[in-house]
């Protein structure tokens, strides 16, 4: 989880944008809170116009100020965590209007949505559980230090703890916890695929991830190459891994625990990648070069790369687009992608 110096904005402003083709726009990619913002433009390095006949355009830009970090779509709303003010913001998915805020534990980021809860990892030794129907914070469950990401799988909530080199298992009914120690692994992203859990290693120089058996809790080392394979997502029986310091994403066959295909270039520092609900695409934010990459999961190739705001941190894909938090400039964008 990356925390950067932010440019704190002013009051909340929402800009609704008409659909426009990729590549049009002005010099300021984040736009202005008082004027129509431009559509995404090509970044100065490593951009890729859409190659699959689709068109991506910005539909909404919300200026929250501060440092928006995590984002999730659930219960008819978009939820954004603000790391600096420790708040969870509820946004209207159509207008981008701020419809309410919930106080959280210090330094929240990634949000995992389950059927009845939002689980927000924090840097303060707890994961916050929010009931989106109320909405309200209902509990704070102790985890390890510097919690990173959570996933719902095998009847539990599993939370990685980077600095604790461990995974916390939470029973969602009782909120009882247990700890799985992972010595030597700075536990990063976590995903479920092929009947197992997969844990990234957010350590410079690391070239492997872990396969964690949810029953025996035994781990198997899986080599993925590159450097710092910290962030994970999955589609079916494929695990997608951001190799942060190598600027690429690699696919792992969950059945054979081996990499498949060629590494996909994804910028200078690809971070919190996530798959679309239908599994067609993986969206990858590049924290350093300020763009996002769309990967076609059927071919394992990058099919589009777009400039977004300053320091894109986390993405929340939909079937027809993606929400992006820009940690560096205090904005949240929604980009829509459709047949050209």
Foldseek 3Di string as FASTA:
>chain_A
DDADAADFDDDKAKAFADFDFEADADPAQLADSVDHHTWFHAFPPDFFHFDPQKGKTFGMKIFQTAFWAEWADDDQWIWTAHQQQQKIFTARPRGRDGPDIEHHPHGWHYWDDDPFWIWIDGQPQWIWIFGVVVTYTDDTQGDEGQWADWDDDPQWIWIAHQVQQWIWTARVVVRDIDIQHHPPARWHAWEDEDQWIKTFGQDFPDQWIWTAHPPVRDIDTAGRDATGFHEWYDDHQKIWTFRFQRQWIWIARNVVSHTDDDTEHWDRGWDHWYAEPVRQWIWTARQPSQKIWIAGPVVRYTRGITHHHHGWHYWYHYPFWIWTTHRHHRMIIIMGMGRD
